[in-house]
Every structure is written in structure tokens, then in C-alpha cells.
Amino acid sequence: MNVPAMLVTACLLAADVGAQQVDELLERQRAQCPFEAPTLTAADPAEVAWAADRLPLDANSRPHLVADLRRALRAMNEGGTAEHRRALLHLLHAALTHDVAIPIADLRFEPEGRTRIPWIALQARAATKDGRELFELFHRLDETTDAGWEAVGGALAIRGHGAFAIELRTHMQPTLRVHAGRRPADENEPKMGDEAPTPLPGFPPAPTCYWDRDKTSIVSAASVTGSWNHAKDCKVDPLRRDRAQLRWLAELTGERDPVGWAARFDACFRERDMAQFEAFAQDAELRARDALGAADAALRRRFKLPERLALPGLKVVYEDCRREADRKAQAMPERK
């Protein structure tokens, strides 16, 4: 079963659709392919797209398929039509889905739209420990609009990239946020297919790629195919960026639980009576300063940072997330 078929099956089963309806839909999907045996080496972009759509699940263990996929990427990238660009999307999506290792040398082009998502994710996966190309890509991404910035930064942090570590710590402002009340839940509003690829005659259903954020706030590439293109996009905001940078710092200093370590810099006071808020905030600040001091010491040792290199200190911010009635009844203390 190819990848789109697997995704279709999963969606239908989740919707409790009968097995017969699943088989009928998959049969219609199989009948859509106009090529008897599509190949990656074909000149027709539609045939290449179908071949990528039906790439065997064991592609990574079959070197000739990997080589064909790399050649197809180069060939489709040289074409300038919408059909070639669509085939490129299918190729990148297939490589990412089947965990095919594409060297960064074969990814030195700039795709458009959502095709950039698997393109970025494949580079983050393929980068060597040196990570020079990945470091350059990181600087080309806009941290205010592109959630791929988080994926690439995370890949650099895991690799212990020295230049990235120094730049990150000397430019970041570690911030402790102490908030009263329940912070509004993070929301990733679904994009109901408004940015889904336009169907092309003779082509398989195109995947809609997007950046997904899991429960631990880690960003990774994901996709949906066919009519179930309710793809979500991660919001990019200052709070998200702060959290990501703290996780990276923890990764770079060897913390076993980077997500948990970063959580120390977000303290929530849930009591309605504000009498104990200042004591709560002072305790949270003490813990955050201790954690940051230990991390900075580990960072200096690991990357041999000179003592004269100044690292920004901790910034503390109070946030009032209480209901309006509670705010009126009792003012929130100001930080001294």
C-alpha cells in the first residue's frame, strides 16, 4: 500500500467508515494512475510524481531506488513548469516519508510554498555534525514567520554545533515568565485546505505539508493527502521562540530532559489570593537563576568560551492572566 493510501485508510478508520467503503475508495485511487508501471527515471513529471507516490516502503534498503530518487530530484528541479514543481513536491515528500537519506548537495535549490517544508526537514535530517550548510540555512529562515526555523535550530543543537551555541547564547535573552492565573491555551488554527496544492490533471493527489508541534512543543514536518487536508500551521511568536531557545541551550549543555529544563522558566501562580505571589515569584526566580548559572558554566566548559565573554543575564517578567473580576478585586504586585 502506498503512502497516500495508508493515510486515506487511517483517516477513514478514524471516522469509523466501513471496510468495504475503504476498499472502494482505494480501488478508485489505484485506478487514477494513468501509468502501468511509473518510474522515477521517466521524463514526464506526472509519471515521476506517480512513481514517488508509490515508492516502496523499503526504499532506504534498496540503493538503486535511492539513486533514482536523487536523479529525479535533479531532473525535476531543472524543469521550470508547474508540473515539474509538483513532481518535486512528491519526490521530497516521498524521501521524507520513507526516511530516504538525500545528501544536502542534492537539495541546493529553493522550492516554493509548502514544498519548502519537506525540503527543510530533509536537510535537518541529512546534515553532518559539522553542519555548515545547516547553519547557513538557519540564517536564511525568518524566525518570525517560518516554523522551520525551530526545526533547523533543534537539529543544530542536537549536533552540538559550536558556532550555533556561541551565537545562540550571546544573543538570546533568557526570560523567566511568572504569571498569575491560567495562561490562555495555545492554539494552532487549522488551515482548511486554503493553501492545499491545486490538483493537476494526470497527477496523484498532492500532499499538503505543514509544520506540526507535538505536546512537548517540538516542531517537525507532517502532511496530509487528498481531501483530508485540514493541515495546521504552528504559530511563530516571541514566547514560542523563547521556549525553543531555552530547549536548545539545554540540549547544548547536555541536559537529559531539555523540555523539562526549559519549563523552569515558566512559572504559574494559580491561587486567587495574591498574598503569596511575591514569595512564589522569588522562589521561581531563584530556581531559574540557579539553572541558568549551571547551564552557562556547562556551556563554557563544553565549547571553551572565554570568561571575558559576557552572557546576557536572566530577565524576569510578571504576567497577569487572571479573570477581569480577580484583577479588579486584587491588584497584581509589581516586580521590585
C-alpha atoms as a PDB file:
ATOM      1  CA  MET A   1       0.000   0.000   0.000  1.00  0.00           C
ATOM      2  CA  ASN A   2       1.442   3.396  -0.923  1.00  0.00           C
ATOM      3  CA  VAL A   3       1.650   6.339   1.456  1.00  0.00           C
ATOM      4  CA  PRO A   4      -1.465   8.251   0.284  1.00  0.00           C
ATOM      5  CA  ALA A   5      -3.446   5.019   0.501  1.00  0.00           C
ATOM      6  CA  MET A   6      -2.201   4.461   4.051  1.00  0.00           C
ATOM      7  CA  LEU A   7      -3.200   7.980   5.040  1.00  0.00           C
ATOM      8  CA  VAL A   8      -6.607   7.627   3.443  1.00  0.00           C
ATOM      9  CA  THR A   9      -7.154   4.357   5.294  1.00  0.00           C
ATOM     10  CA  ALA A  10      -6.146   5.872   8.618  1.00  0.00           C
ATOM     11  CA  CYS A  11      -8.494   8.821   8.171  1.00  0.00           C
ATOM     12  CA  LEU A  12     -11.414   6.625   7.200  1.00  0.00           C
ATOM     13  CA  LEU A  13     -10.865   4.183  10.023  1.00  0.00           C
ATOM     14  CA  ALA A  14     -10.686   7.083  12.462  1.00  0.00           C
ATOM     15  CA  ALA A  15     -14.070   8.159  11.103  1.00  0.00           C
ATOM     16  CA  ASP A  16     -15.420   4.627  11.608  1.00  0.00           C
ATOM     17  CA  VAL A  17     -16.038   4.087   7.906  1.00  0.00           C
ATOM     18  CA  GLY A  18     -16.782   0.509   6.838  1.00  0.00           C
ATOM     19  CA  ALA A  19     -14.098  -1.757   5.369  1.00  0.00           C
ATOM     20  CA  GLN A  20     -15.986  -2.073   2.080  1.00  0.00           C
ATOM     21  CA  GLN A  21     -16.037   1.708   1.615  1.00  0.00           C
ATOM     22  CA  VAL A  22     -12.295   1.826   2.345  1.00  0.00           C
ATOM     23  CA  ASP A  23     -11.638  -0.846  -0.299  1.00  0.00           C
ATOM     24  CA  GLU A  24     -13.802   1.010  -2.828  1.00  0.00           C
ATOM     25  CA  LEU A  25     -12.001   4.274  -2.248  1.00  0.00           C
ATOM     26  CA  LEU A  26      -8.576   2.655  -2.506  1.00  0.00           C
ATOM     27  CA  GLU A  27      -9.638   0.920  -5.713  1.00  0.00           C
ATOM     28  CA  ARG A  28     -10.724   4.255  -7.205  1.00  0.00           C
ATOM     29  CA  GLN A  29      -7.415   5.745  -6.158  1.00  0.00           C
ATOM     30  CA  ARG A  30      -5.475   2.921  -7.809  1.00  0.00           C
ATOM     31  CA  ALA A  31      -7.468   3.400 -10.993  1.00  0.00           C
ATOM     32  CA  GLN A  32      -6.482   7.058 -11.202  1.00  0.00           C
ATOM     33  CA  CYS A  33      -2.883   6.254 -12.179  1.00  0.00           C
ATOM     34  CA  PRO A  34      -2.567   6.513 -15.980  1.00  0.00           C
ATOM     35  CA  PHE A  35       0.775   4.664 -15.987  1.00  0.00           C
ATOM     36  CA  GLU A  36       1.037   0.901 -15.741  1.00  0.00           C
ATOM     37  CA  ALA A  37       4.436   0.950 -14.027  1.00  0.00           C
ATOM     38  CA  PRO A  38       5.575   4.542 -13.336  1.00  0.00           C
ATOM     39  CA  THR A  39       9.316   5.032 -12.855  1.00  0.00           C
ATOM     40  CA  LEU A  40      11.427   7.725 -11.230  1.00  0.00           C
ATOM     41  CA  THR A  41      13.653   7.890 -14.300  1.00  0.00           C
ATOM     42  CA  ALA A  42      10.832   8.991 -16.623  1.00  0.00           C
ATOM     43  CA  ALA A  43      10.914  12.371 -18.379  1.00  0.00           C
ATOM     44  CA  ASP A  44       7.207  13.019 -17.804  1.00  0.00           C
ATOM     45  CA  PRO A  45       6.740  14.877 -14.460  1.00  0.00           C
ATOM     46  CA  ALA A  46       3.342  13.207 -13.946  1.00  0.00           C
ATOM     47  CA  GLU A  47       4.892   9.736 -14.234  1.00  0.00           C
ATOM     48  CA  VAL A  48       7.684  10.721 -11.842  1.00  0.00           C
ATOM     49  CA  ALA A  49       5.087  12.010  -9.380  1.00  0.00           C
ATOM     50  CA  TRP A  50       3.201   8.705  -9.519  1.00  0.00           C
ATOM     51  CA  ALA A  51       6.427   6.752  -9.059  1.00  0.00           C
ATOM     52  CA  ALA A  52       7.261   8.829  -5.985  1.00  0.00           C
ATOM     53  CA  ASP A  53       3.714   8.412  -4.706  1.00  0.00           C
ATOM     54  CA  ARG A  54       4.121   4.618  -4.948  1.00  0.00           C
ATOM     55  CA  LEU A  55       7.698   4.396  -3.700  1.00  0.00           C
ATOM     56  CA  PRO A  56       8.093   1.054  -1.897  1.00  0.00           C
ATOM     57  CA  LEU A  57       8.295   1.182   1.873  1.00  0.00           C
ATOM     58  CA  ASP A  58      11.725  -0.480   1.808  1.00  0.00           C
ATOM     59  CA  ALA A  59      13.241   2.205  -0.426  1.00  0.00           C
ATOM     60  CA  ASN A  60      16.028   3.007   2.017  1.00  0.00           C
ATOM     61  CA  SER A  61      17.274  -0.597   1.807  1.00  0.00           C
ATOM     62  CA  ARG A  62      17.331  -0.569  -1.997  1.00  0.00           C
ATOM     63  CA  PRO A  63      20.220   1.654  -3.169  1.00  0.00           C
ATOM     64  CA  HIS A  64      19.117   1.803  -6.804  1.00  0.00           C
ATOM     65  CA  LEU A  65      15.837   3.434  -5.748  1.00  0.00           C
ATOM     66  CA  VAL A  66      17.696   5.969  -3.633  1.00  0.00           C
ATOM     67  CA  ALA A  67      19.964   6.803  -6.585  1.00  0.00           C
ATOM     68  CA  ASP A  68      16.942   7.105  -8.907  1.00  0.00           C
ATOM     69  CA  LEU A  69      15.224   9.413  -6.424  1.00  0.00           C
ATOM     70  CA  ARG A  70      18.270  11.685  -6.305  1.00  0.00           C
ATOM     71  CA  ARG A  71      18.493  11.805 -10.116  1.00  0.00           C
ATOM     72  CA  ALA A  72      14.780  12.568 -10.354  1.00  0.00           C
ATOM     73  CA  LEU A  73      15.176  15.462  -7.919  1.00  0.00           C
ATOM     74  CA  ARG A  74      17.883  16.984 -10.086  1.00  0.00           C
ATOM     75  CA  ALA A  75      15.898  16.460 -13.287  1.00  0.00           C
ATOM     76  CA  MET A  76      12.628  17.887 -11.943  1.00  0.00           C
ATOM     77  CA  ASN A  77      14.416  20.853 -10.398  1.00  0.00           C
ATOM     78  CA  GLU A  78      15.791  21.773 -13.818  1.00  0.00           C
ATOM     79  CA  GLY A  79      12.296  21.950 -15.314  1.00  0.00           C
ATOM     80  CA  GLY A  80      10.538  25.269 -14.997  1.00  0.00           C
ATOM     81  CA  THR A  81       6.888  24.277 -15.321  1.00  0.00           C
ATOM     82  CA  ALA A  82       4.180  23.851 -12.716  1.00  0.00           C
ATOM     83  CA  GLU A  83       4.231  20.126 -13.488  1.00  0.00           C
ATOM     84  CA  HIS A  84       7.941  19.868 -12.677  1.00  0.00           C
ATOM     85  CA  ARG A  85       7.417  21.768  -9.425  1.00  0.00           C
ATOM     86  CA  ARG A  86       4.584  19.423  -8.451  1.00  0.00           C
ATOM     87  CA  ALA A  87       6.725  16.375  -9.185  1.00  0.00           C
ATOM     88  CA  LEU A  88       9.402  17.926  -6.962  1.00  0.00           C
ATOM     89  CA  LEU A  89       6.906  18.123  -4.103  1.00  0.00           C
ATOM     90  CA  HIS A  90       6.037  14.435  -4.498  1.00  0.00           C
ATOM     91  CA  LEU A  91       9.721  13.460  -4.597  1.00  0.00           C
ATOM     92  CA  LEU A  92      10.639  15.407  -1.467  1.00  0.00           C
ATOM     93  CA  HIS A  93       7.572  14.131   0.354  1.00  0.00           C
ATOM     94  CA  ALA A  94       8.399  10.526  -0.577  1.00  0.00           C
ATOM     95  CA  ALA A  95      12.009  10.902   0.589  1.00  0.00           C
ATOM     96  CA  LEU A  96      10.900  12.342   3.915  1.00  0.00           C
ATOM     97  CA  THR A  97       8.103   9.834   4.469  1.00  0.00           C
ATOM     98  CA  HIS A  98      10.278   6.811   3.686  1.00  0.00           C
ATOM     99  CA  ASP A  99      13.327   8.109   5.548  1.00  0.00           C
ATOM    100  CA  VAL A 100      15.494   8.214   2.430  1.00  0.00           C
ATOM    101  CA  ALA A 101      18.816   9.936   3.083  1.00  0.00           C
ATOM    102  CA  ILE A 102      19.196  12.690   0.482  1.00  0.00           C
ATOM    103  CA  PRO A 103      22.604  14.419   0.649  1.00  0.00           C
ATOM    104  CA  ILE A 104      22.428  18.175   1.170  1.00  0.00           C
ATOM    105  CA  ALA A 105      24.321  18.596  -2.116  1.00  0.00           C
ATOM    106  CA  ASP A 106      21.169  17.370  -3.899  1.00  0.00           C
ATOM    107  CA  LEU A 107      18.999  19.873  -2.017  1.00  0.00           C
ATOM    108  CA  ARG A 108      20.756  23.064  -3.069  1.00  0.00           C
ATOM    109  CA  PHE A 109      17.751  24.742  -4.627  1.00  0.00           C
ATOM    110  CA  GLU A 110      14.927  26.936  -3.357  1.00  0.00           C
ATOM    111  CA  PRO A 111      11.456  25.404  -3.771  1.00  0.00           C
ATOM    112  CA  GLU A 112       8.252  27.368  -3.395  1.00  0.00           C
ATOM    113  CA  GLY A 113       5.383  27.359  -0.921  1.00  0.00           C
ATOM    114  CA  ARG A 114       4.785  24.303   1.221  1.00  0.00           C
ATOM    115  CA  THR A 115       7.328  22.315  -0.798  1.00  0.00           C
ATOM    116  CA  ARG A 116       9.897  24.100   1.372  1.00  0.00           C
ATOM    117  CA  ILE A 117       8.722  22.119   4.405  1.00  0.00           C
ATOM    118  CA  PRO A 118       9.987  18.647   3.374  1.00  0.00           C
ATOM    119  CA  TRP A 119      12.987  20.371   1.749  1.00  0.00           C
ATOM    120  CA  ILE A 120      13.976  21.941   5.090  1.00  0.00           C
ATOM    121  CA  ALA A 121      13.220  18.785   7.075  1.00  0.00           C
ATOM    122  CA  LEU A 122      15.370  16.630   4.780  1.00  0.00           C
ATOM    123  CA  GLN A 123      18.321  18.988   5.246  1.00  0.00           C
ATOM    124  CA  ALA A 124      17.931  18.936   9.013  1.00  0.00           C
ATOM    125  CA  ARG A 125      17.979  15.133   8.855  1.00  0.00           C
ATOM    126  CA  ALA A 126      20.937  14.820   6.457  1.00  0.00           C
ATOM    127  CA  ALA A 127      23.320  17.370   7.958  1.00  0.00           C
ATOM    128  CA  THR A 128      26.650  16.116   9.264  1.00  0.00           C
ATOM    129  CA  LYS A 129      27.969  17.019  12.711  1.00  0.00           C
ATOM    130  CA  ASP A 130      29.886  19.882  11.084  1.00  0.00           C
ATOM    131  CA  GLY A 131      26.507  21.254   9.983  1.00  0.00           C
ATOM    132  CA  ARG A 132      27.921  24.140   7.958  1.00  0.00           C
ATOM    133  CA  GLU A 133      25.148  24.085   5.335  1.00  0.00           C
ATOM    134  CA  LEU A 134      22.519  23.720   8.031  1.00  0.00           C
ATOM    135  CA  PHE A 135      23.923  26.716   9.910  1.00  0.00           C
ATOM    136  CA  GLU A 136      23.703  28.760   6.714  1.00  0.00           C
ATOM    137  CA  LEU A 137      20.106  27.616   6.152  1.00  0.00           C
ATOM    138  CA  PHE A 138      19.222  28.591   9.732  1.00  0.00           C
ATOM    139  CA  HIS A 139      20.284  32.170   8.994  1.00  0.00           C
ATOM    140  CA  ARG A 140      18.194  32.301   5.819  1.00  0.00           C
ATOM    141  CA  LEU A 141      14.967  31.392   7.613  1.00  0.00           C
ATOM    142  CA  ASP A 142      12.751  34.063   9.149  1.00  0.00           C
ATOM    143  CA  GLU A 143      12.223  33.287  12.828  1.00  0.00           C
ATOM    144  CA  THR A 144       9.092  35.450  12.927  1.00  0.00           C
ATOM    145  CA  THR A 145       7.216  33.675  10.124  1.00  0.00           C
ATOM    146  CA  ASP A 146       8.775  30.273   9.426  1.00  0.00           C
ATOM    147  CA  ALA A 147       8.394  27.490  11.991  1.00  0.00           C
ATOM    148  CA  GLY A 148      11.077  25.610  10.058  1.00  0.00           C
ATOM    149  CA  TRP A 149      13.484  27.893  11.925  1.00  0.00           C
ATOM    150  CA  GLU A 150      12.714  25.849  15.051  1.00  0.00           C
ATOM    151  CA  ALA A 151      13.277  22.526  13.297  1.00  0.00           C
ATOM    152  CA  VAL A 152      16.671  23.590  11.938  1.00  0.00           C
ATOM    153  CA  GLY A 153      17.756  25.171  15.220  1.00  0.00           C
ATOM    154  CA  GLY A 154      16.849  21.982  17.042  1.00  0.00           C
ATOM    155  CA  ALA A 155      18.937  19.928  14.614  1.00  0.00           C
ATOM    156  CA  LEU A 156      21.936  22.214  15.212  1.00  0.00           C
ATOM    157  CA  ALA A 157      21.510  21.990  18.983  1.00  0.00           C
ATOM    158  CA  ILE A 158      21.374  18.189  18.937  1.00  0.00           C
ATOM    159  CA  ARG A 159      24.589  18.142  16.904  1.00  0.00           C
ATOM    160  CA  GLY A 160      26.339  20.389  19.411  1.00  0.00           C
ATOM    161  CA  HIS A 161      27.252  22.905  16.716  1.00  0.00           C
ATOM    162  CA  GLY A 162      29.856  25.212  18.258  1.00  0.00           C
ATOM    163  CA  ALA A 163      29.233  28.392  16.262  1.00  0.00           C
ATOM    164  CA  PHE A 164      25.496  27.970  16.761  1.00  0.00           C
ATOM    165  CA  ALA A 165      25.994  27.520  20.524  1.00  0.00           C
ATOM    166  CA  ILE A 166      28.059  30.704  20.887  1.00  0.00           C
ATOM    167  CA  GLU A 167      25.729  32.761  18.706  1.00  0.00           C
ATOM    168  CA  LEU A 168      22.625  31.461  20.464  1.00  0.00           C
ATOM    169  CA  ARG A 169      23.804  32.219  23.979  1.00  0.00           C
ATOM    170  CA  THR A 170      25.362  35.606  23.300  1.00  0.00           C
ATOM    171  CA  HIS A 171      22.232  36.847  21.514  1.00  0.00           C
ATOM    172  CA  MET A 172      19.410  35.226  23.481  1.00  0.00           C
ATOM    173  CA  GLN A 173      17.742  36.887  26.472  1.00  0.00           C
ATOM    174  CA  PRO A 174      16.802  34.093  28.912  1.00  0.00           C
ATOM    175  CA  THR A 175      13.436  35.089  30.345  1.00  0.00           C
ATOM    176  CA  LEU A 176      11.535  33.811  33.367  1.00  0.00           C
ATOM    177  CA  ARG A 177       7.807  34.406  32.969  1.00  0.00           C
ATOM    178  CA  VAL A 178       5.863  34.354  36.222  1.00  0.00           C
ATOM    179  CA  HIS A 179       2.163  34.559  35.513  1.00  0.00           C
ATOM    180  CA  ALA A 180      -0.862  34.650  37.756  1.00  0.00           C
ATOM    181  CA  GLY A 181      -3.920  32.723  36.652  1.00  0.00           C
ATOM    182  CA  ARG A 182      -4.277  30.318  33.792  1.00  0.00           C
ATOM    183  CA  ARG A 183      -2.490  31.314  30.610  1.00  0.00           C
ATOM    184  CA  PRO A 184      -4.744  31.067  27.527  1.00  0.00           C
ATOM    185  CA  ALA A 185      -4.290  27.735  25.772  1.00  0.00           C
ATOM    186  CA  ASP A 186      -2.013  27.694  22.746  1.00  0.00           C
ATOM    187  CA  GLU A 187      -3.982  27.390  19.565  1.00  0.00           C
ATOM    188  CA  ASN A 188      -2.980  26.314  16.086  1.00  0.00           C
ATOM    189  CA  GLU A 189      -5.960  27.240  13.971  1.00  0.00           C
ATOM    190  CA  PRO A 190      -6.433  24.718  11.144  1.00  0.00           C
ATOM    191  CA  LYS A 191      -5.932  25.786   7.563  1.00  0.00           C
ATOM    192  CA  MET A 192      -8.915  24.169   5.888  1.00  0.00           C
ATOM    193  CA  GLY A 193      -7.195  23.451   2.605  1.00  0.00           C
ATOM    194  CA  ASP A 194      -6.896  27.082   1.506  1.00  0.00           C
ATOM    195  CA  GLU A 195      -3.202  26.516   0.809  1.00  0.00           C
ATOM    196  CA  ALA A 196      -3.511  22.950  -0.442  1.00  0.00           C
ATOM    197  CA  PRO A 197      -1.846  22.279  -3.821  1.00  0.00           C
ATOM    198  CA  THR A 198      -4.140  22.770  -6.779  1.00  0.00           C
ATOM    199  CA  PRO A 199      -4.970  19.421  -8.432  1.00  0.00           C
ATOM    200  CA  LEU A 200      -3.129  18.806 -11.709  1.00  0.00           C
ATOM    201  CA  PRO A 201      -4.610  16.547 -14.432  1.00  0.00           C
ATOM    202  CA  GLY A 202      -2.869  13.183 -14.548  1.00  0.00           C
ATOM    203  CA  PHE A 203      -1.105  13.655 -11.207  1.00  0.00           C
ATOM    204  CA  PRO A 204      -1.722  11.805  -7.929  1.00  0.00           C
ATOM    205  CA  PRO A 205      -3.350  13.704  -5.059  1.00  0.00           C
ATOM    206  CA  ALA A 206      -0.737  16.109  -3.738  1.00  0.00           C
ATOM    207  CA  PRO A 207       0.327  16.054  -0.090  1.00  0.00           C
ATOM    208  CA  THR A 208      -0.305  19.211   1.908  1.00  0.00           C
ATOM    209  CA  CYS A 209       2.835  19.640   4.005  1.00  0.00           C
ATOM    210  CA  TYR A 210       2.856  21.629   7.236  1.00  0.00           C
ATOM    211  CA  TRP A 211       4.850  22.120  10.431  1.00  0.00           C
ATOM    212  CA  ASP A 212       3.351  20.244  13.338  1.00  0.00           C
ATOM    213  CA  ARG A 213       4.010  20.838  17.038  1.00  0.00           C
ATOM    214  CA  ASP A 214       3.703  17.924  19.452  1.00  0.00           C
ATOM    215  CA  LYS A 215       2.673  18.019  23.114  1.00  0.00           C
ATOM    216  CA  THR A 216       6.236  18.810  24.176  1.00  0.00           C
ATOM    217  CA  SER A 217       6.286  21.762  21.719  1.00  0.00           C
ATOM    218  CA  ILE A 218       8.792  20.094  19.365  1.00  0.00           C
ATOM    219  CA  VAL A 219       8.290  21.075  15.716  1.00  0.00           C
ATOM    220  CA  SER A 220       8.508  18.532  12.887  1.00  0.00           C
ATOM    221  CA  ALA A 221       7.325  18.180   9.302  1.00  0.00           C
ATOM    222  CA  ALA A 222       3.982  16.452   8.682  1.00  0.00           C
ATOM    223  CA  SER A 223       1.497  16.093   5.843  1.00  0.00           C
ATOM    224  CA  VAL A 224      -1.992  15.074   4.845  1.00  0.00           C
ATOM    225  CA  THR A 225      -3.123  13.849   1.439  1.00  0.00           C
ATOM    226  CA  GLY A 226      -6.286  14.011  -0.612  1.00  0.00           C
ATOM    227  CA  SER A 227      -9.471  15.574   0.722  1.00  0.00           C
ATOM    228  CA  TRP A 228      -8.370  15.415   4.356  1.00  0.00           C
ATOM    229  CA  ASN A 229      -6.153  18.470   4.042  1.00  0.00           C
ATOM    230  CA  HIS A 230      -7.027  20.105   7.354  1.00  0.00           C
ATOM    231  CA  ALA A 231      -3.377  20.999   7.806  1.00  0.00           C
ATOM    232  CA  LYS A 232      -2.341  23.061  10.781  1.00  0.00           C
ATOM    233  CA  ASP A 233       0.466  25.566  10.914  1.00  0.00           C
ATOM    234  CA  CYS A 234       2.499  26.379  14.008  1.00  0.00           C
ATOM    235  CA  LYS A 235       2.213  29.900  15.264  1.00  0.00           C
ATOM    236  CA  VAL A 236       5.502  31.759  15.499  1.00  0.00           C
ATOM    237  CA  ASP A 237       5.574  34.268  18.349  1.00  0.00           C
ATOM    238  CA  PRO A 238       8.102  35.599  20.900  1.00  0.00           C
ATOM    239  CA  LEU A 239       7.028  33.143  23.593  1.00  0.00           C
ATOM    240  CA  ARG A 240       7.494  30.207  21.220  1.00  0.00           C
ATOM    241  CA  ARG A 241      10.924  31.485  20.217  1.00  0.00           C
ATOM    242  CA  ASP A 242      11.980  31.901  23.857  1.00  0.00           C
ATOM    243  CA  ARG A 243      10.925  28.351  24.662  1.00  0.00           C
ATOM    244  CA  ALA A 244      12.748  26.970  21.648  1.00  0.00           C
ATOM    245  CA  GLN A 245      15.968  28.786  22.522  1.00  0.00           C
ATOM    246  CA  LEU A 246      15.857  27.534  26.109  1.00  0.00           C
ATOM    247  CA  ARG A 247      15.429  23.961  24.847  1.00  0.00           C
ATOM    248  CA  TRP A 248      18.392  24.412  22.539  1.00  0.00           C
ATOM    249  CA  LEU A 249      20.513  25.725  25.390  1.00  0.00           C
ATOM    250  CA  ALA A 250      19.600  22.654  27.432  1.00  0.00           C
ATOM    251  CA  GLU A 251      20.489  20.368  24.506  1.00  0.00           C
ATOM    252  CA  LEU A 252      23.843  22.087  24.072  1.00  0.00           C
ATOM    253  CA  THR A 253      24.735  21.724  27.740  1.00  0.00           C
ATOM    254  CA  GLY A 254      23.872  18.034  27.911  1.00  0.00           C
ATOM    255  CA  GLU A 255      20.615  18.169  29.880  1.00  0.00           C
ATOM    256  CA  ARG A 256      18.784  14.841  29.831  1.00  0.00           C
ATOM    257  CA  ASP A 257      15.360  16.474  29.690  1.00  0.00           C
ATOM    258  CA  PRO A 258      15.633  19.716  27.660  1.00  0.00           C
ATOM    259  CA  VAL A 259      11.867  20.261  27.587  1.00  0.00           C
ATOM    260  CA  GLY A 260      11.559  19.880  31.354  1.00  0.00           C
ATOM    261  CA  TRP A 261      14.565  22.135  31.928  1.00  0.00           C
ATOM    262  CA  ALA A 262      13.081  24.877  29.762  1.00  0.00           C
ATOM    263  CA  ALA A 263       9.805  24.601  31.718  1.00  0.00           C
ATOM    264  CA  ARG A 264      11.589  26.020  34.775  1.00  0.00           C
ATOM    265  CA  PHE A 265      11.420  29.419  33.099  1.00  0.00           C
ATOM    266  CA  ASP A 266       7.614  29.460  33.014  1.00  0.00           C
ATOM    267  CA  ALA A 267       6.053  29.623  36.495  1.00  0.00           C
ATOM    268  CA  CYS A 268       2.288  29.704  37.055  1.00  0.00           C
ATOM    269  CA  PHE A 269       0.694  31.015  40.285  1.00  0.00           C
ATOM    270  CA  ARG A 270      -2.801  29.540  40.400  1.00  0.00           C
ATOM    271  CA  GLU A 271      -4.064  30.839  43.745  1.00  0.00           C
ATOM    272  CA  ARG A 272      -6.715  33.573  43.696  1.00  0.00           C
ATOM    273  CA  ASP A 273      -5.314  35.214  46.825  1.00  0.00           C
ATOM    274  CA  MET A 274      -2.249  37.186  45.700  1.00  0.00           C
ATOM    275  CA  ALA A 275      -0.760  37.435  49.197  1.00  0.00           C
ATOM    276  CA  GLN A 276       1.800  34.716  48.446  1.00  0.00           C
ATOM    277  CA  PHE A 277       2.550  35.725  44.886  1.00  0.00           C
ATOM    278  CA  GLU A 278       5.769  37.616  45.614  1.00  0.00           C
ATOM    279  CA  ALA A 279       7.212  34.725  47.636  1.00  0.00           C
ATOM    280  CA  PHE A 280       6.241  32.323  44.836  1.00  0.00           C
ATOM    281  CA  ALA A 281       7.865  34.561  42.230  1.00  0.00           C
ATOM    282  CA  GLN A 282      11.079  34.922  44.267  1.00  0.00           C
ATOM    283  CA  ASP A 283      11.378  31.138  44.624  1.00  0.00           C
ATOM    284  CA  ALA A 284      10.813  30.692  40.881  1.00  0.00           C
ATOM    285  CA  GLU A 285      13.450  33.314  40.127  1.00  0.00           C
ATOM    286  CA  LEU A 286      15.974  31.658  42.440  1.00  0.00           C
ATOM    287  CA  ARG A 287      15.461  28.292  40.716  1.00  0.00           C
ATOM    288  CA  ALA A 288      15.717  29.846  37.267  1.00  0.00           C
ATOM    289  CA  ARG A 289      18.927  31.722  38.117  1.00  0.00           C
ATOM    290  CA  ASP A 290      20.497  28.551  39.525  1.00  0.00           C
ATOM    291  CA  ALA A 291      19.512  26.582  36.411  1.00  0.00           C
ATOM    292  CA  LEU A 292      20.831  29.265  34.076  1.00  0.00           C
ATOM    293  CA  GLY A 293      24.091  29.585  36.010  1.00  0.00           C
ATOM    294  CA  ALA A 294      24.709  25.834  35.827  1.00  0.00           C
ATOM    295  CA  ALA A 295      23.858  25.787  32.109  1.00  0.00           C
ATOM    296  CA  ASP A 296      26.199  28.679  31.354  1.00  0.00           C
ATOM    297  CA  ALA A 297      29.016  27.007  33.255  1.00  0.00           C
ATOM    298  CA  ALA A 298      28.478  23.781  31.304  1.00  0.00           C
ATOM    299  CA  LEU A 299      28.317  25.730  28.029  1.00  0.00           C
ATOM    300  CA  ARG A 300      31.622  27.484  28.771  1.00  0.00           C
ATOM    301  CA  ARG A 301      33.303  24.161  29.545  1.00  0.00           C
ATOM    302  CA  ARG A 302      31.939  22.292  26.542  1.00  0.00           C
ATOM    303  CA  PHE A 303      32.678  24.983  23.972  1.00  0.00           C
ATOM    304  CA  LYS A 304      35.673  26.551  25.727  1.00  0.00           C
ATOM    305  CA  LEU A 305      34.115  30.007  25.966  1.00  0.00           C
ATOM    306  CA  PRO A 306      36.472  32.612  27.459  1.00  0.00           C
ATOM    307  CA  GLU A 307      35.454  34.024  30.832  1.00  0.00           C
ATOM    308  CA  ARG A 308      35.607  37.559  29.433  1.00  0.00           C
ATOM    309  CA  LEU A 309      32.768  36.715  27.009  1.00  0.00           C
ATOM    310  CA  ALA A 310      29.686  38.258  28.612  1.00  0.00           C
ATOM    311  CA  LEU A 311      26.460  36.230  28.534  1.00  0.00           C
ATOM    312  CA  PRO A 312      23.105  38.010  28.954  1.00  0.00           C
ATOM    313  CA  GLY A 313      21.590  37.560  32.408  1.00  0.00           C
ATOM    314  CA  LEU A 314      18.101  36.481  33.365  1.00  0.00           C
ATOM    315  CA  LYS A 315      15.147  38.718  32.604  1.00  0.00           C
ATOM    316  CA  VAL A 316      12.068  38.333  34.825  1.00  0.00           C
ATOM    317  CA  VAL A 317       8.585  39.229  33.609  1.00  0.00           C
ATOM    318  CA  TYR A 318       5.299  39.187  35.552  1.00  0.00           C
ATOM    319  CA  GLU A 319       2.179  38.424  33.523  1.00  0.00           C
ATOM    320  CA  ASP A 320      -1.381  38.835  34.750  1.00  0.00           C
ATOM    321  CA  CYS A 321      -3.556  36.143  33.159  1.00  0.00           C
ATOM    322  CA  ARG A 322      -6.378  36.295  35.710  1.00  0.00           C
ATOM    323  CA  ARG A 323     -10.017  36.953  35.021  1.00  0.00           C
ATOM    324  CA  GLU A 324     -11.083  40.573  34.952  1.00  0.00           C
ATOM    325  CA  ALA A 325     -13.063  40.227  38.204  1.00  0.00           C
ATOM    326  CA  ASP A 326      -9.994  38.904  40.039  1.00  0.00           C
ATOM    327  CA  ARG A 327      -7.863  41.717  38.654  1.00  0.00           C
ATOM    328  CA  LYS A 328     -10.285  44.316  39.977  1.00  0.00           C
ATOM    329  CA  ALA A 329     -10.555  42.637  43.369  1.00  0.00           C
ATOM    330  CA  GLN A 330      -6.803  42.423  43.964  1.00  0.00           C
ATOM    331  CA  ALA A 331      -4.018  44.121  42.050  1.00  0.00           C
ATOM    332  CA  MET A 332      -1.018  42.128  40.916  1.00  0.00           C
ATOM    333  CA  PRO A 333       2.233  43.126  42.659  1.00  0.00           C
ATOM    334  CA  GLU A 334       4.877  44.834  40.588  1.00  0.00           C
ATOM    335  CA  ARG A 335       8.335  43.331  40.417  1.00  0.00           C
ATOM    336  CA  LYS A 336      10.763  45.187  42.654  1.00  0.00           C
END
